Amino acid sequence: MTASTNTLDALLADGVSGRRVLVRSDLNVPLDGSTVTDDGRIRASLPVLEKLAAAGARVVVAAHLGRPKGQVDPQFSLGPVADRMAELTESPVRRAHDLVGESARSQAADLADGEILVLENVRFDPRETSKDDAERAALAGELAGLVGEDGAYVGDAFGAVHRRHASVVDITAELPSYQGDLVRDELVVLKRLTEEPQRPYTVVLGGSKVSDKLAVIENLMSRADTLLIGGGMVFTFLKAQGYGIGSSMVEDGQLETVRGFLAAAERLDCRILLPTDIVMAAAFAPDAEHEVLAVDALESGAHGEGALGLDVGPASAAAFAAEIAASNTVFWNGPMGVFEMEAFAAGTATVAQALTETEGFTVVGGGDSAAAVRGLGFDEAAFGHISTGGGASLEYLEGKELPGVDALAG
C-alpha cells in the first residue's frame, strides 16, 4: 500500500529551502482551559516539522482539535497548542488566528526560512468534514493557496488518516504530496502486528464499550493467540456468561455478539481471558467506597446490586501481567479501569508495567492507553511503540482501508 508513496526524505532531497510546505499534523491534545494536559501528540509531530524547518522550509501546519462541528469555538482553539509547541522546539513558531483567512494568508506570505506557522483549527471550517466533494475540494484549494505554486504537502497526521477530510485526502489533489515519518512508522508497526507478529501474540483490550471494538476483536481472533479483556467492556462479556454485574456499564444489545465471539474464539484456538475479580464501587467517584469481589459474587458485597465495577481486580491484573510477560508481541488498546481516579488505576498500571518489563515487542494503541501511560508516569521509551492514532490504528487492525494513506500513495 505504501510502496509507491513519496517519502519525506524524497521531498528533502528535492530541496525545500525557501519553499512553503503544508504539513497536516495531529495536534488533537487534551486541554484544561488553555493548558495542554498531555503534549504527547505535539512532541510526536515535532520531528517532521523540525526536519523541514532545519532544511530551510517555511512550514505551515494544519491540524484539528476536538469536534467543534464546523463553527469557531474558542475552547477548541489551537492557540494553546501553538504556545506549547513553541516551548518544545527551538524553531520559531507563529500562530494564525484563522484557517485560510487574512491572518493565515498574511502570516504564510511573511514566513521566513525555518519558521513554523500553526493555522487555526481546520474543523472550524465546515468544509473540512463535509460529505460534499466540491466543498472539501474548495477548502483544499484554499489551503494549497497558502503555500503557493512551489509548495508541497506532507501528510503526517496518522490519527486522522481514517477520515476522508479536506486537509487529509482532498489536499493531495492540489499539491505534490509526501508521507510523513510519523505515518510511515505507524504503518510499519501495524503491518508487523497484522502480517508477521512474533508469537505468542497477545492483544489487551479495554475501554468502556465493547461496541467500539467489535470489528477489531473479530479480525484479531484469527491472528492473536490470546485476547485479554478489561475495562468497562468486560461487563458485557460477564453478563453474556450469566454473571450478575450490579450497576456496572453493560451493552445489552451486544450480548449475543459477545457470545458469538466466545464460541468463535474456541474454534479459532484463540483464548479470550476475562477477569476473575473486579473492584466494585459504591459510586462513580474518586472517593467512593470500594471492595474487590470475585466475578461470581459481584452483587454480594456491601453495596449489593447498586455497586459498579471500576477496575479489574489485583488477581486479574496479575494474571494479565503473566500473559504479557510470556508474549513476544503485545498490542494494548484501552485502559483496564477508570485510571483517572487513583483508587481505580491499579489494573491499568499493572498492565502498563508488564509491557515495560517484557522482552517482547509492545505497542500501546493510542488514545486513552497512551494518555494512561503518560498520566501514570511511565517512561515512553520503555515501550516498543506508542501510537498517536487510536481510531486509525483500530481501523487498520479491523482490515479497513485508510483514505489518507491511500491518497498519499496516489
Protein backbone atom coordinates (compact mmCIF):
# COMPACT_ATOMS: atom_id res chain seq x y z
CA MET A 1 0.00 0.00 0.00
CA THR A 2 2.92 2.37 0.58
CA ALA A 3 5.49 1.07 -1.90
CA SER A 4 4.96 3.88 -4.40
CA THR A 5 4.45 6.61 -1.83
CA ASN A 6 6.69 9.67 -1.94
CA THR A 7 8.51 9.99 1.36
CA LEU A 8 9.59 13.00 3.38
CA ASP A 9 13.18 12.12 2.58
CA ALA A 10 12.36 12.38 -1.13
CA LEU A 11 10.96 15.87 -0.59
CA LEU A 12 14.02 16.92 1.37
CA ALA A 13 16.25 15.53 -1.36
CA ASP A 14 14.41 17.69 -3.90
CA GLY A 15 15.15 20.72 -1.75
CA VAL A 16 12.78 22.73 0.41
CA SER A 17 14.82 25.81 1.28
CA GLY A 18 12.69 28.89 0.70
CA ARG A 19 9.64 26.79 -0.20
CA ARG A 20 6.40 26.71 1.77
CA VAL A 21 5.36 23.25 2.88
CA LEU A 22 1.90 22.46 4.26
CA VAL A 23 2.02 19.74 6.92
CA ARG A 24 -1.09 18.02 8.22
CA SER A 25 -0.17 17.16 11.80
CA ASP A 26 -2.11 15.51 14.60
CA LEU A 27 -2.27 18.05 17.41
CA ASN A 28 -5.53 16.81 18.92
CA VAL A 29 -4.43 17.05 22.55
CA PRO A 30 -6.47 17.34 25.76
CA LEU A 31 -6.85 20.82 27.23
CA ASP A 32 -7.78 22.11 30.65
CA GLY A 33 -8.87 25.59 29.72
CA SER A 34 -5.82 26.99 27.97
CA THR A 35 -3.40 24.40 29.36
CA VAL A 36 -2.29 21.34 27.39
CA THR A 37 -2.57 18.44 29.84
CA ASP A 38 -0.90 15.82 27.62
CA ASP A 39 1.53 17.04 24.98
CA GLY A 40 2.39 13.60 23.60
CA ARG A 41 0.97 14.26 20.14
CA ILE A 42 2.72 17.62 19.90
CA ARG A 43 6.05 16.01 20.71
CA ALA A 44 5.37 13.19 18.25
CA SER A 45 4.65 15.73 15.48
CA LEU A 46 7.72 17.88 16.04
CA PRO A 47 10.41 15.71 14.39
CA VAL A 48 8.90 16.16 10.91
CA LEU A 49 8.29 19.88 11.43
CA GLU A 50 11.83 20.36 12.72
CA LYS A 51 13.33 18.36 9.83
CA LEU A 52 11.62 20.66 7.36
CA ALA A 53 12.48 23.83 9.27
CA ALA A 54 16.11 22.79 9.61
CA ALA A 55 16.23 22.32 5.83
CA GLY A 56 15.03 25.88 5.32
CA ALA A 57 11.36 25.20 4.60
CA ARG A 58 8.67 27.68 5.55
CA VAL A 59 6.34 25.30 7.38
CA VAL A 60 2.57 25.79 7.53
CA VAL A 61 0.81 23.40 9.95
CA ALA A 62 -2.82 22.36 9.63
CA ALA A 63 -4.44 20.34 12.41
CA HIS A 64 -7.70 19.73 14.24
CA LEU A 65 -8.63 19.73 17.90
CA GLY A 66 -11.84 18.23 19.23
CA ARG A 67 -15.16 18.36 17.42
CA PRO A 68 -16.26 21.98 17.05
CA LYS A 69 -18.81 20.95 14.38
CA GLY A 70 -17.74 23.39 11.71
CA GLN A 71 -18.01 26.50 13.85
CA VAL A 72 -15.45 28.73 15.53
CA ASP A 73 -15.39 27.68 19.18
CA PRO A 74 -12.68 29.24 21.40
CA GLN A 75 -12.48 26.16 23.64
CA PHE A 76 -11.09 24.23 20.64
CA SER A 77 -8.60 26.86 19.52
CA LEU A 78 -5.11 25.67 18.62
CA GLY A 79 -3.64 28.74 20.32
CA PRO A 80 -2.56 26.84 23.47
CA VAL A 81 -1.15 24.09 21.25
CA ALA A 82 0.97 26.59 19.31
CA ASP A 83 2.19 28.05 22.60
CA ARG A 84 3.20 24.62 23.87
CA MET A 85 4.89 23.80 20.58
CA ALA A 86 6.94 26.97 20.87
CA GLU A 87 8.13 25.82 24.30
CA LEU A 88 9.16 22.40 22.97
CA THR A 89 11.14 23.42 19.89
CA GLU A 90 13.94 25.82 19.06
CA SER A 91 12.35 26.56 15.68
CA PRO A 92 10.44 29.87 15.62
CA VAL A 93 6.68 29.21 15.91
CA ARG A 94 3.97 31.60 14.76
CA ARG A 95 0.23 31.33 15.15
CA ALA A 96 -2.52 32.34 12.72
CA HIS A 97 -5.86 33.43 14.13
CA ASP A 98 -7.84 31.80 11.34
CA LEU A 99 -7.50 28.90 8.91
CA VAL A 100 -7.47 30.36 5.41
CA GLY A 101 -8.45 33.97 6.12
CA GLU A 102 -6.50 37.21 6.25
CA SER A 103 -4.33 36.23 9.24
CA ALA A 104 -3.33 32.90 7.71
CA ARG A 105 -2.64 34.38 4.28
CA SER A 106 -0.56 37.29 5.54
CA GLN A 107 1.44 35.21 8.02
CA ALA A 108 2.11 32.47 5.46
CA ALA A 109 3.31 35.07 2.96
CA ASP A 110 5.56 36.62 5.60
CA LEU A 111 7.19 33.38 6.77
CA ALA A 112 10.98 33.24 6.81
CA ASP A 113 13.03 30.14 6.12
CA GLY A 114 12.92 27.76 9.08
CA GLU A 115 9.79 29.26 10.65
CA ILE A 116 6.67 27.28 11.58
CA LEU A 117 3.15 28.70 11.29
CA VAL A 118 0.29 26.93 13.09
CA LEU A 119 -3.07 27.58 11.44
CA GLU A 120 -6.30 27.68 13.41
CA ASN A 121 -8.38 24.51 13.85
CA VAL A 122 -9.29 23.03 10.43
CA ARG A 123 -12.59 21.83 11.85
CA PHE A 124 -13.70 25.41 12.46
CA ASP A 125 -14.46 25.30 8.72
CA PRO A 126 -17.46 23.05 7.89
CA ARG A 127 -15.91 22.16 4.55
CA GLU A 128 -13.17 20.14 6.25
CA THR A 129 -15.54 17.32 7.16
CA SER A 130 -18.22 17.92 4.51
CA LYS A 131 -19.74 14.97 2.66
CA ASP A 132 -19.81 17.17 -0.44
CA ASP A 133 -16.73 16.54 -2.58
CA ALA A 134 -16.83 20.02 -4.10
CA GLU A 135 -16.92 21.73 -0.70
CA ARG A 136 -13.94 19.75 0.55
CA ALA A 137 -12.05 20.41 -2.68
CA ALA A 138 -12.69 24.15 -2.35
CA LEU A 139 -11.15 24.22 1.13
CA ALA A 140 -8.23 22.10 -0.08
CA GLY A 141 -7.62 24.64 -2.82
CA GLU A 142 -7.52 27.50 -0.32
CA LEU A 143 -5.13 25.57 1.92
CA ALA A 144 -2.89 24.91 -1.07
CA GLY A 145 -3.01 28.63 -1.88
CA LEU A 146 -1.24 29.34 1.42
CA VAL A 147 1.93 27.61 0.18
CA GLY A 148 1.80 28.71 -3.46
CA GLU A 149 2.78 27.13 -6.76
CA ASP A 150 6.12 25.85 -5.47
CA GLY A 151 4.55 24.39 -2.34
CA ALA A 152 4.26 20.82 -1.19
CA TYR A 153 2.12 18.79 1.22
CA VAL A 154 3.24 16.35 3.90
CA GLY A 155 0.63 14.07 5.47
CA ASP A 156 1.86 13.31 8.98
CA ALA A 157 -1.38 13.05 10.98
CA PHE A 158 -1.79 9.33 11.43
CA GLY A 159 -4.62 9.95 13.88
CA ALA A 160 -6.68 11.41 11.01
CA VAL A 161 -5.83 9.13 8.06
CA HIS A 162 -9.04 7.14 8.52
CA ARG A 163 -11.03 10.31 7.74
CA ARG A 164 -11.95 11.47 4.23
CA HIS A 165 -11.38 15.13 5.10
CA ALA A 166 -10.21 18.08 3.03
CA SER A 167 -6.84 18.51 4.77
CA VAL A 168 -6.17 14.77 4.72
CA VAL A 169 -7.37 13.49 1.35
CA ASP A 170 -8.52 16.27 -0.99
CA ILE A 171 -5.37 18.33 -0.47
CA THR A 172 -3.32 15.63 -2.22
CA ALA A 173 -5.00 16.58 -5.50
CA GLU A 174 -3.77 20.16 -5.10
CA LEU A 175 -0.10 19.78 -4.18
CA PRO A 176 2.81 17.36 -4.65
CA SER A 177 2.26 15.08 -1.66
CA TYR A 178 4.58 13.16 0.64
CA GLN A 179 4.18 10.73 3.51
CA GLY A 180 5.47 11.99 6.85
CA ASP A 181 7.74 9.91 9.04
CA LEU A 182 5.10 9.52 11.75
CA VAL A 183 2.62 7.95 9.32
CA ARG A 184 5.38 5.76 7.87
CA ASP A 185 6.44 4.48 11.28
CA GLU A 186 2.85 3.75 12.35
CA LEU A 187 2.24 1.69 9.22
CA VAL A 188 5.43 -0.32 9.73
CA VAL A 189 4.30 -1.20 13.26
CA LEU A 190 0.74 -2.08 12.25
CA LYS A 191 1.93 -4.31 9.42
CA ARG A 192 4.13 -6.09 11.94
CA LEU A 193 1.08 -6.70 14.13
CA THR A 194 -1.12 -7.99 11.32
CA GLU A 195 1.22 -9.70 8.87
CA GLU A 196 4.13 -11.13 10.81
CA PRO A 197 3.67 -10.99 14.59
CA GLN A 198 6.18 -12.98 16.57
CA ARG A 199 4.30 -15.45 18.74
CA PRO A 200 2.92 -15.78 21.31
CA TYR A 201 0.87 -12.73 20.27
CA THR A 202 -1.33 -11.17 22.96
CA VAL A 203 -3.89 -8.41 22.48
CA VAL A 204 -5.06 -6.45 25.53
CA LEU A 205 -8.35 -4.63 25.01
CA GLY A 206 -10.11 -2.29 27.41
CA GLY A 207 -12.16 0.87 27.35
CA SER A 208 -15.77 1.46 28.13
CA LYS A 209 -17.73 -0.06 25.23
CA VAL A 210 -17.42 -3.42 23.55
CA SER A 211 -19.23 -1.94 20.54
CA ASP A 212 -16.16 0.22 19.87
CA LYS A 213 -14.02 -2.90 19.50
CA LEU A 214 -16.36 -5.36 17.71
CA ALA A 215 -14.58 -5.35 14.35
CA VAL A 216 -11.08 -5.43 15.84
CA ILE A 217 -11.98 -8.37 18.10
CA GLU A 218 -13.44 -10.25 15.15
CA ASN A 219 -10.39 -9.58 12.97
CA LEU A 220 -7.74 -10.28 15.60
CA MET A 221 -9.21 -13.54 16.86
CA SER A 222 -7.78 -15.24 13.78
CA ARG A 223 -4.36 -13.62 14.29
CA ALA A 224 -3.73 -13.39 18.03
CA ASP A 225 -3.09 -16.25 20.44
CA THR A 226 -4.73 -14.56 23.43
CA LEU A 227 -7.17 -11.67 23.96
CA LEU A 228 -7.16 -10.10 27.43
CA ILE A 229 -10.39 -8.19 28.09
CA GLY A 230 -10.70 -5.47 30.72
CA GLY A 231 -12.29 -2.05 31.19
CA GLY A 232 -15.98 -1.31 31.11
CA MET A 233 -16.45 -3.58 28.11
CA VAL A 234 -15.78 -6.63 30.29
CA PHE A 235 -19.20 -6.44 31.91
CA THR A 236 -20.95 -7.21 28.64
CA PHE A 237 -18.79 -10.35 28.43
CA LEU A 238 -19.52 -11.28 32.05
CA LYS A 239 -23.27 -10.75 31.67
CA ALA A 240 -23.20 -12.80 28.46
CA GLN A 241 -21.81 -15.64 30.58
CA GLY A 242 -24.61 -15.30 33.10
CA TYR A 243 -22.87 -13.37 35.86
CA GLY A 244 -24.59 -10.65 37.85
CA ILE A 245 -22.76 -7.34 37.34
CA GLY A 246 -24.62 -4.95 39.64
CA SER A 247 -24.96 -1.46 38.15
CA SER A 248 -21.85 -1.79 36.00
CA MET A 249 -21.83 -0.50 32.44
CA VAL A 250 -23.28 -3.01 30.01
CA GLU A 251 -24.38 -3.08 26.37
CA ASP A 252 -27.34 -5.43 26.35
CA GLY A 253 -27.63 -5.16 22.59
CA GLN A 254 -24.21 -6.80 22.21
CA LEU A 255 -24.74 -9.84 24.42
CA GLU A 256 -25.41 -12.24 21.53
CA THR A 257 -22.45 -10.84 19.60
CA VAL A 258 -20.19 -11.43 22.58
CA ARG A 259 -21.46 -14.99 23.00
CA GLY A 260 -20.62 -15.48 19.34
CA PHE A 261 -17.10 -14.19 19.95
CA LEU A 262 -16.59 -16.60 22.83
CA ALA A 263 -17.69 -19.53 20.66
CA ALA A 264 -15.65 -18.39 17.65
CA ALA A 265 -12.51 -17.98 19.76
CA GLU A 266 -12.67 -21.65 20.72
CA ARG A 267 -12.92 -22.68 17.07
CA LEU A 268 -10.01 -20.40 16.14
CA ASP A 269 -7.82 -21.60 19.01
CA CYS A 270 -7.65 -18.06 20.42
CA ARG A 271 -8.04 -17.74 24.17
CA ILE A 272 -10.24 -14.95 25.49
CA LEU A 273 -9.10 -14.29 29.05
CA LEU A 274 -11.56 -12.40 31.25
CA PRO A 275 -11.00 -11.03 34.77
CA THR A 276 -11.66 -13.27 37.73
CA ASP A 277 -12.10 -10.39 40.17
CA ILE A 278 -13.35 -6.80 39.92
CA VAL A 279 -13.02 -3.65 42.01
CA MET A 280 -16.67 -2.82 42.77
CA ALA A 281 -17.51 0.70 43.99
CA ALA A 282 -20.49 2.34 45.64
CA ALA A 283 -20.49 5.18 43.10
CA PHE A 284 -18.58 6.62 40.15
CA ALA A 285 -16.43 8.92 42.24
CA PRO A 286 -12.74 9.10 43.20
CA ASP A 287 -13.51 8.73 46.91
CA ALA A 288 -16.20 6.06 46.58
CA GLU A 289 -16.12 3.10 48.94
CA HIS A 290 -14.95 0.03 47.08
CA GLU A 291 -14.01 -3.62 47.51
CA VAL A 292 -12.59 -6.47 45.46
CA LEU A 293 -15.08 -9.20 44.61
CA ALA A 294 -14.88 -12.41 42.58
CA VAL A 295 -16.75 -12.27 39.27
CA ASP A 296 -19.29 -14.83 40.50
CA ALA A 297 -20.09 -12.63 43.52
CA LEU A 298 -20.14 -9.06 42.19
CA GLU A 299 -23.57 -8.36 43.73
CA SER A 300 -22.79 -9.91 47.11
CA GLY A 301 -20.71 -7.05 48.52
CA ALA A 302 -21.55 -4.20 50.83
CA HIS A 303 -23.44 -2.28 48.15
CA GLY A 304 -25.27 -5.19 46.56
CA GLU A 305 -26.81 -4.71 43.14
CA GLY A 306 -26.10 -0.98 43.31
CA ALA A 307 -22.33 -1.47 43.07
CA LEU A 308 -20.49 -0.84 39.82
CA GLY A 309 -17.19 -2.15 38.57
CA LEU A 310 -14.47 0.46 38.01
CA ASP A 311 -11.30 -1.65 37.62
CA VAL A 312 -10.11 -5.21 37.21
CA GLY A 313 -9.06 -6.76 40.49
CA PRO A 314 -5.50 -7.50 41.60
CA ALA A 315 -5.66 -11.23 40.80
CA SER A 316 -6.85 -10.46 37.28
CA ALA A 317 -4.21 -7.78 36.77
CA ALA A 318 -1.52 -10.21 37.91
CA ALA A 319 -2.83 -12.89 35.52
CA PHE A 320 -2.83 -10.40 32.66
CA ALA A 321 0.72 -9.36 33.54
CA ALA A 322 1.84 -13.00 33.47
CA GLU A 323 0.34 -13.46 29.98
CA ILE A 324 2.11 -10.32 28.77
CA ALA A 325 5.41 -11.49 30.25
CA ALA A 326 5.15 -14.75 28.29
CA SER A 327 4.38 -12.99 24.99
CA ASN A 328 6.68 -11.97 22.17
CA THR A 329 4.22 -9.45 20.70
CA VAL A 330 1.68 -7.38 22.67
CA PHE A 331 -0.84 -4.83 21.40
CA TRP A 332 -2.71 -2.85 24.06
CA ASN A 333 -5.69 -0.61 23.40
CA GLY A 334 -7.91 0.66 26.19
CA PRO A 335 -7.43 1.05 29.97
CA MET A 336 -8.42 -1.66 32.41
CA GLY A 337 -10.40 0.71 34.60
CA VAL A 338 -11.06 4.35 35.42
CA PHE A 339 -7.35 5.14 35.59
CA GLU A 340 -8.01 8.88 36.02
CA MET A 341 -9.14 8.06 39.59
CA GLU A 342 -6.25 6.83 41.73
CA ALA A 343 -8.36 4.23 43.53
CA PHE A 344 -9.21 2.56 40.22
CA ALA A 345 -5.90 2.89 38.34
CA ALA A 346 -4.09 -0.21 39.64
CA GLY A 347 -5.23 -2.56 36.88
CA THR A 348 -4.14 -0.21 34.13
CA ALA A 349 -0.85 0.49 35.90
CA THR A 350 -0.13 -3.23 36.28
CA VAL A 351 -0.70 -3.85 32.57
CA ALA A 352 1.48 -0.89 31.62
CA GLN A 353 4.24 -2.05 33.96
CA ALA A 354 4.12 -5.52 32.44
CA LEU A 355 4.54 -4.08 28.97
CA THR A 356 7.66 -2.23 30.08
CA GLU A 357 9.18 -5.39 31.54
CA THR A 358 8.52 -7.97 28.81
CA GLU A 359 11.26 -8.67 26.31
CA GLY A 360 8.65 -8.87 23.54
CA PHE A 361 7.63 -6.16 21.08
CA THR A 362 5.00 -3.92 22.69
CA VAL A 363 2.60 -1.47 21.09
CA VAL A 364 0.39 0.96 23.02
CA GLY A 365 -2.54 1.68 20.72
CA GLY A 366 -3.03 5.39 21.20
CA GLY A 367 -5.96 7.27 22.72
CA ASP A 368 -6.71 6.56 26.37
CA SER A 369 -3.96 3.94 26.61
CA ALA A 370 -1.28 6.43 25.61
CA ALA A 371 -2.78 9.00 27.97
CA ALA A 372 -2.71 6.43 30.77
CA VAL A 373 0.95 5.63 30.13
CA ARG A 374 1.89 9.28 30.42
CA GLY A 375 -0.58 10.10 33.19
CA LEU A 376 0.67 7.25 35.36
CA GLY A 377 4.26 8.39 34.95
CA PHE A 378 5.74 5.64 32.77
CA ASP A 379 8.79 6.27 30.60
CA GLU A 380 7.57 6.22 26.99
CA ALA A 381 10.93 4.84 25.88
CA ALA A 382 10.18 1.63 27.78
CA PHE A 383 7.52 0.67 25.25
CA GLY A 384 8.22 -0.60 21.76
CA HIS A 385 5.85 1.90 20.15
CA ILE A 386 3.19 4.32 21.35
CA SER A 387 0.69 5.04 18.62
CA THR A 388 -0.69 8.52 18.03
CA GLY A 389 -3.81 7.23 16.30
CA GLY A 390 -6.26 5.21 18.36
CA GLY A 391 -9.13 5.17 15.88
CA ALA A 392 -6.90 4.89 12.83
CA SER A 393 -4.93 2.06 14.42
CA LEU A 394 -8.09 0.13 15.21
CA GLU A 395 -9.48 0.60 11.71
CA TYR A 396 -6.24 -0.71 10.22
CA LEU A 397 -6.37 -3.71 12.54
CA GLU A 398 -10.00 -4.24 11.50
CA GLY A 399 -8.75 -4.65 7.95
CA LYS A 400 -10.20 -1.36 6.67
CA GLU A 401 -8.57 0.91 4.11
CA LEU A 402 -7.27 4.26 5.35
CA PRO A 403 -8.24 7.03 2.88
CA GLY A 404 -5.44 9.37 3.99
CA VAL A 405 -2.81 6.69 3.43
CA ASP A 406 -4.22 5.71 0.05
CA ALA A 407 -4.31 9.36 -1.06
CA LEU A 408 -0.61 9.76 -0.27
CA ALA A 409 0.16 6.63 -2.26
CA GLY A 410 -1.54 8.22 -5.28
